[in-house]
Protein backbone atom coordinates (compact mmCIF):
# COMPACT_ATOMS: atom_id res chain seq x y z
CA UNK A 1 249.97 9.01 -22.25
CA UNK A 2 247.47 10.61 -19.90
CA UNK A 3 248.53 13.84 -18.21
CA UNK A 4 246.79 15.25 -15.14
CA UNK A 5 246.54 18.81 -13.88
CA UNK A 6 246.34 19.66 -10.20
CA UNK A 7 242.55 19.72 -10.38
CA UNK A 8 242.20 15.99 -11.05
CA UNK A 9 245.45 14.72 -9.56
CA UNK A 10 243.60 13.27 -6.56
CA UNK A 11 241.37 10.98 -8.64
CA UNK A 12 244.31 9.98 -10.83
CA UNK A 13 246.36 9.10 -7.76
CA UNK A 14 243.45 7.08 -6.42
CA UNK A 15 243.42 5.06 -9.64
CA UNK A 16 247.16 4.52 -9.36
CA UNK A 17 246.85 3.48 -5.70
CA UNK A 18 244.34 0.80 -6.72
CA UNK A 19 247.04 -0.76 -8.93
CA UNK A 20 249.34 -1.21 -5.96
CA UNK A 21 248.93 -4.34 -3.86
CA UNK A 22 251.03 -6.17 -1.31
CA UNK A 23 252.38 -8.28 -4.20
CA UNK A 24 253.48 -5.31 -6.31
CA UNK A 25 257.01 -5.00 -7.67
CA UNK A 26 257.83 -1.29 -7.89
CA UNK A 27 260.86 0.47 -9.30
CA UNK A 28 261.46 4.17 -8.66
CA UNK A 29 263.81 5.69 -11.23
CA UNK A 30 265.08 9.02 -9.91
CA UNK A 31 267.02 12.01 -11.16
CA UNK A 32 268.18 15.48 -10.21
CA UNK A 33 264.67 16.89 -9.78
CA UNK A 34 264.18 14.84 -6.61
CA UNK A 35 267.35 16.21 -5.00
CA UNK A 36 266.61 19.76 -6.17
CA UNK A 37 263.57 19.73 -3.89
CA UNK A 38 265.98 19.24 -0.97
CA UNK A 39 268.08 22.18 -2.07
CA UNK A 40 270.82 20.29 -3.87
CA UNK A 41 271.96 22.43 -6.83
CA UNK A 42 271.68 20.73 -10.19
CA UNK A 43 274.97 19.69 -11.73
CA UNK A 44 275.15 22.71 -14.00
CA UNK A 45 273.98 25.35 -11.52
CA UNK A 46 276.18 28.42 -11.16
CA UNK A 47 277.68 28.21 -7.70
CA UNK A 48 279.83 31.01 -6.34
CA UNK A 49 283.54 30.73 -7.02
CA UNK A 50 282.94 27.74 -9.32
CA UNK A 51 280.86 29.69 -11.82
CA UNK A 52 283.89 30.25 -14.07
CA UNK A 53 284.19 26.50 -14.66
CA UNK A 54 281.97 24.31 -16.81
CA UNK A 55 281.14 20.91 -15.28
CA UNK A 56 282.78 19.20 -18.24
CA UNK A 57 286.05 20.94 -17.33
CA UNK A 58 286.13 19.34 -13.89
CA UNK A 59 284.15 16.10 -14.09
CA UNK A 60 286.54 14.09 -16.23
CA UNK A 61 289.63 12.00 -15.64
CA UNK A 62 291.92 14.10 -17.83
CA UNK A 63 291.20 17.23 -15.79
CA UNK A 64 291.68 15.28 -12.57
CA UNK A 65 295.15 14.11 -13.59
CA UNK A 66 296.08 17.61 -14.78
CA UNK A 67 294.94 19.37 -11.60
CA UNK A 68 293.81 16.88 -8.94
CA UNK A 69 293.69 19.45 -6.13
CA UNK A 70 291.24 21.62 -8.08
CA UNK A 71 288.92 18.73 -8.91
CA UNK A 72 289.10 17.39 -5.35
CA UNK A 73 288.24 20.84 -3.98
CA UNK A 74 285.18 21.09 -6.23
CA UNK A 75 283.89 17.71 -5.11
CA UNK A 76 284.62 18.50 -1.46
CA UNK A 77 282.54 21.66 -1.90
CA UNK A 78 279.70 19.68 -3.47
CA UNK A 79 279.89 17.02 -0.72
CA UNK A 80 279.57 19.74 1.93
CA UNK A 81 276.40 20.99 0.23
CA UNK A 82 274.94 17.47 0.26
CA UNK A 83 275.81 17.00 3.93
CA UNK A 84 273.93 20.18 4.81
CA UNK A 85 270.61 19.24 3.22
CA UNK A 86 268.00 16.71 4.27
CA UNK A 87 265.86 14.14 2.41
CA UNK A 88 262.52 15.63 1.41
CA UNK A 89 259.02 14.16 1.56
CA UNK A 90 259.49 12.57 -1.84
CA UNK A 91 262.50 10.61 -0.64
CA UNK A 92 260.60 9.57 2.48
CA UNK A 93 257.54 8.43 0.52
CA UNK A 94 259.68 6.20 -1.68
CA UNK A 95 261.31 4.68 1.41
CA UNK A 96 257.90 4.14 3.03
CA UNK A 97 256.69 2.23 -0.04
CA UNK A 98 258.98 -0.65 0.93
CA UNK A 99 256.64 -1.60 3.77
CA UNK A 100 253.60 -1.69 1.46
CA UNK A 101 254.70 -3.96 -1.37
CA UNK A 102 256.62 -7.17 -1.98
CA UNK A 103 259.52 -5.48 -3.77
CA UNK A 104 260.48 -1.82 -3.96
CA UNK A 105 263.75 -0.72 -5.52
CA UNK A 106 265.21 2.73 -6.13
CA UNK A 107 267.40 3.14 -9.19
CA UNK A 108 268.99 6.57 -8.98
CA UNK A 109 271.15 8.77 -11.15
CA UNK A 110 271.81 11.00 -8.14
CA UNK A 111 275.05 10.80 -6.16
CA UNK A 112 273.93 12.52 -2.94
CA UNK A 113 273.03 9.56 -0.68
CA UNK A 114 269.65 11.13 0.19
CA UNK A 115 267.64 7.99 -0.62
CA UNK A 116 269.67 6.01 1.88
CA UNK A 117 269.35 8.74 4.49
CA UNK A 118 265.56 8.69 3.98
CA UNK A 119 265.51 4.97 4.79
CA UNK A 120 265.47 3.25 1.42
CA UNK A 121 267.28 -0.06 1.78
CA UNK A 122 267.71 -1.18 -1.82
CA UNK A 123 269.25 1.70 -3.76
CA UNK A 124 271.10 1.13 -7.02
CA UNK A 125 273.47 4.02 -7.70
CA UNK A 126 274.10 4.31 -11.43
CA UNK A 127 276.41 7.30 -11.17
CA UNK A 128 278.14 6.56 -7.86
CA UNK A 129 278.12 8.42 -4.55
CA UNK A 130 279.78 11.77 -3.92
CA UNK A 131 280.37 10.91 -0.26
CA UNK A 132 282.69 8.03 -1.17
CA UNK A 133 286.25 8.32 -2.49
CA UNK A 134 288.84 5.79 -3.57
CA UNK A 135 292.46 5.54 -4.66
CA UNK A 136 293.02 5.26 -8.41
CA UNK A 137 296.18 3.19 -7.83
CA UNK A 138 295.28 0.57 -5.22
CA UNK A 139 291.49 0.85 -5.48
CA UNK A 140 291.00 1.04 -1.70
CA UNK A 141 288.13 3.16 -0.35
CA UNK A 142 289.54 6.34 1.19
CA UNK A 143 288.34 7.11 4.70
CA UNK A 144 288.28 10.83 5.40
CA UNK A 145 287.58 14.09 3.62
CA UNK A 146 289.24 15.55 0.57
CA UNK A 147 291.55 18.44 1.43
CA UNK A 148 290.58 21.94 0.33
CA UNK A 149 293.15 24.20 2.02
CA UNK A 150 296.22 25.70 0.36
CA UNK A 151 295.66 23.81 -2.86
CA UNK A 152 296.78 20.56 -1.31
CA UNK A 153 296.19 17.25 -3.10
CA UNK A 154 294.65 14.34 -1.16
CA UNK A 155 296.70 11.18 -1.46
CA UNK A 156 296.12 7.60 -0.36
CA UNK A 157 298.47 5.88 2.09
CA UNK A 158 300.01 4.16 -0.93
CA UNK A 159 300.74 7.55 -2.51
CA UNK A 160 298.04 7.32 -5.17
CA UNK A 161 295.57 10.06 -6.06
CA UNK A 162 292.18 9.93 -4.37
CA UNK A 163 289.12 10.56 -6.57
CA UNK A 164 285.40 10.77 -5.85
CA UNK A 165 283.47 7.56 -6.44
CA UNK A 166 281.29 9.05 -9.17
CA UNK A 167 280.94 8.47 -12.89
CA UNK A 168 282.68 11.16 -14.93
CA UNK A 169 282.18 12.22 -18.53
CA UNK A 170 283.53 9.57 -20.86
CA UNK A 171 283.32 6.79 -18.26
CA UNK A 172 281.08 3.74 -18.30
CA UNK A 173 278.42 3.15 -15.68
CA UNK A 174 279.33 0.54 -13.04
CA UNK A 175 278.67 -2.68 -14.94
CA UNK A 176 277.24 -4.63 -12.03
CA UNK A 177 274.95 -1.80 -10.90
CA UNK A 178 273.55 -1.35 -14.40
CA UNK A 179 273.06 -5.09 -14.83
CA UNK A 180 271.03 -5.19 -11.60
CA UNK A 181 269.05 -2.13 -12.69
CA UNK A 182 268.17 -3.81 -15.97
CA UNK A 183 267.05 -6.93 -14.09
CA UNK A 184 264.64 -4.92 -11.96
CA UNK A 185 263.36 -2.98 -14.98
CA UNK A 186 262.49 -6.26 -16.68
CA UNK A 187 260.80 -7.78 -13.62
CA UNK A 188 258.79 -4.88 -12.15
CA UNK A 189 255.09 -4.35 -12.79
CA UNK A 190 255.14 -0.63 -11.92
CA UNK A 191 257.96 1.68 -13.03
CA UNK A 192 257.81 5.22 -11.63
CA UNK A 193 260.14 7.82 -13.14
CA UNK A 194 260.66 10.70 -10.72
CA UNK A 195 262.46 13.97 -11.39
CA UNK A 196 264.54 12.81 -14.33
CA UNK A 197 264.63 14.34 -17.79
CA UNK A 198 265.50 11.04 -19.45
CA UNK A 199 268.26 12.39 -21.67
CA UNK A 200 271.34 10.68 -20.20
CA UNK A 201 271.96 7.24 -21.67
CA UNK A 202 272.25 4.37 -21.06
CA UNK A 203 270.22 5.02 -17.89
CA UNK A 204 267.46 6.71 -19.90
CA UNK A 205 266.83 3.41 -21.69
CA UNK A 206 265.55 1.71 -18.53
CA UNK A 207 261.94 2.99 -18.87
CA UNK A 208 261.77 1.58 -22.40
CA UNK A 209 263.07 -1.75 -21.13
CA UNK A 210 260.43 -1.81 -18.39
CA UNK A 211 257.68 -0.91 -20.86
CA UNK A 212 258.69 -3.64 -23.29
CA UNK A 213 258.64 -6.12 -20.40
CA UNK A 214 255.03 -5.28 -19.52
CA UNK A 215 255.38 -2.71 -16.74
CA UNK A 216 252.93 0.16 -16.22
CA UNK A 217 254.89 3.42 -16.50
CA UNK A 218 254.28 6.52 -14.39
CA UNK A 219 256.09 9.84 -14.50
CA UNK A 220 256.29 12.48 -11.77
CA UNK A 221 258.00 15.68 -12.90
CA UNK A 222 257.52 19.42 -12.80
CA UNK A 223 257.51 19.57 -16.61
CA UNK A 224 257.25 17.38 -19.68
CA UNK A 225 260.38 15.37 -20.52
CA UNK A 226 261.78 13.18 -23.26
CA UNK A 227 260.20 10.25 -21.40
CA UNK A 228 256.68 11.67 -21.22
CA UNK A 229 255.45 10.19 -24.50
CA UNK A 230 256.44 6.72 -23.28
CA UNK A 231 254.46 6.95 -20.05
CA UNK A 232 251.03 5.49 -19.34
CA UNK A 233 250.33 8.24 -16.83
CA UNK A 234 252.16 11.48 -16.00
CA UNK A 235 251.76 13.72 -12.98
CA UNK A 236 253.03 17.25 -13.32
CA UNK A 237 254.29 18.54 -10.00
CA UNK A 238 256.88 18.04 -7.27
CA UNK A 239 257.60 14.53 -6.04
CA UNK A 240 257.56 15.86 -2.48
CA UNK A 241 253.90 16.73 -2.94
CA UNK A 242 252.60 13.97 -5.22
CA UNK A 243 254.24 10.87 -3.73
CA UNK A 244 253.13 11.57 -0.12
CA UNK A 245 249.56 11.87 -1.42
CA UNK A 246 249.91 8.46 -3.06
CA UNK A 247 251.22 6.99 0.19
CA UNK A 248 248.30 8.49 2.13
CA UNK A 249 245.87 6.71 -0.19
CA UNK A 250 247.68 3.41 0.38
CA UNK A 251 247.61 3.87 4.15
CA UNK A 252 243.91 4.62 4.14
């Protein structure tokens, strides 16, 4: 692993840019740090009236069945936060990379839809999307917002409970999404981990899979992580600052 300070980040980015050609196959693997730069609170952030609840008390199926209106209200609140923020320069840089290389894929652990809003076309959502909801009985996608007034419970037309389309504690990742993510990890030649601590499995195993398949690994994060020792190069800083600099070098 080679770690760079701000003083020599420019030369390190120049070296990385030289690795990228029109034939490159790049995977961006993103986590909460990317969204935090847009103002999205991390999952465990204390947030007003919800500070008395632990995430584990709300983000699981048992709690949902016990008090669906409460869980729906929390996710409606979180969805409103997401709708009121914008993609940052890091998101935009990753989307712009698509026009520079043969293949560019985003594999994200975030559920906020910001990659898509930034323009990324191939986004693999490992933990779902907070802006989608579906019925647990008939499986149909629910069109509309979750209710938050008067403790009402949102129900599907069939009468079933409506839940957010996200992965809760104790649930498996979407099998097809993870299979596709593994395929890209095996095939890419450059794997860039951005804003993820690398502690949530099985997603955290993707960098190791890419490394064992011959990919060059890069990390962009504001601090060292559990993945840092695996990386070929690490950049310490915000993705919204480092990735646009990389794109500028490619454009020049």
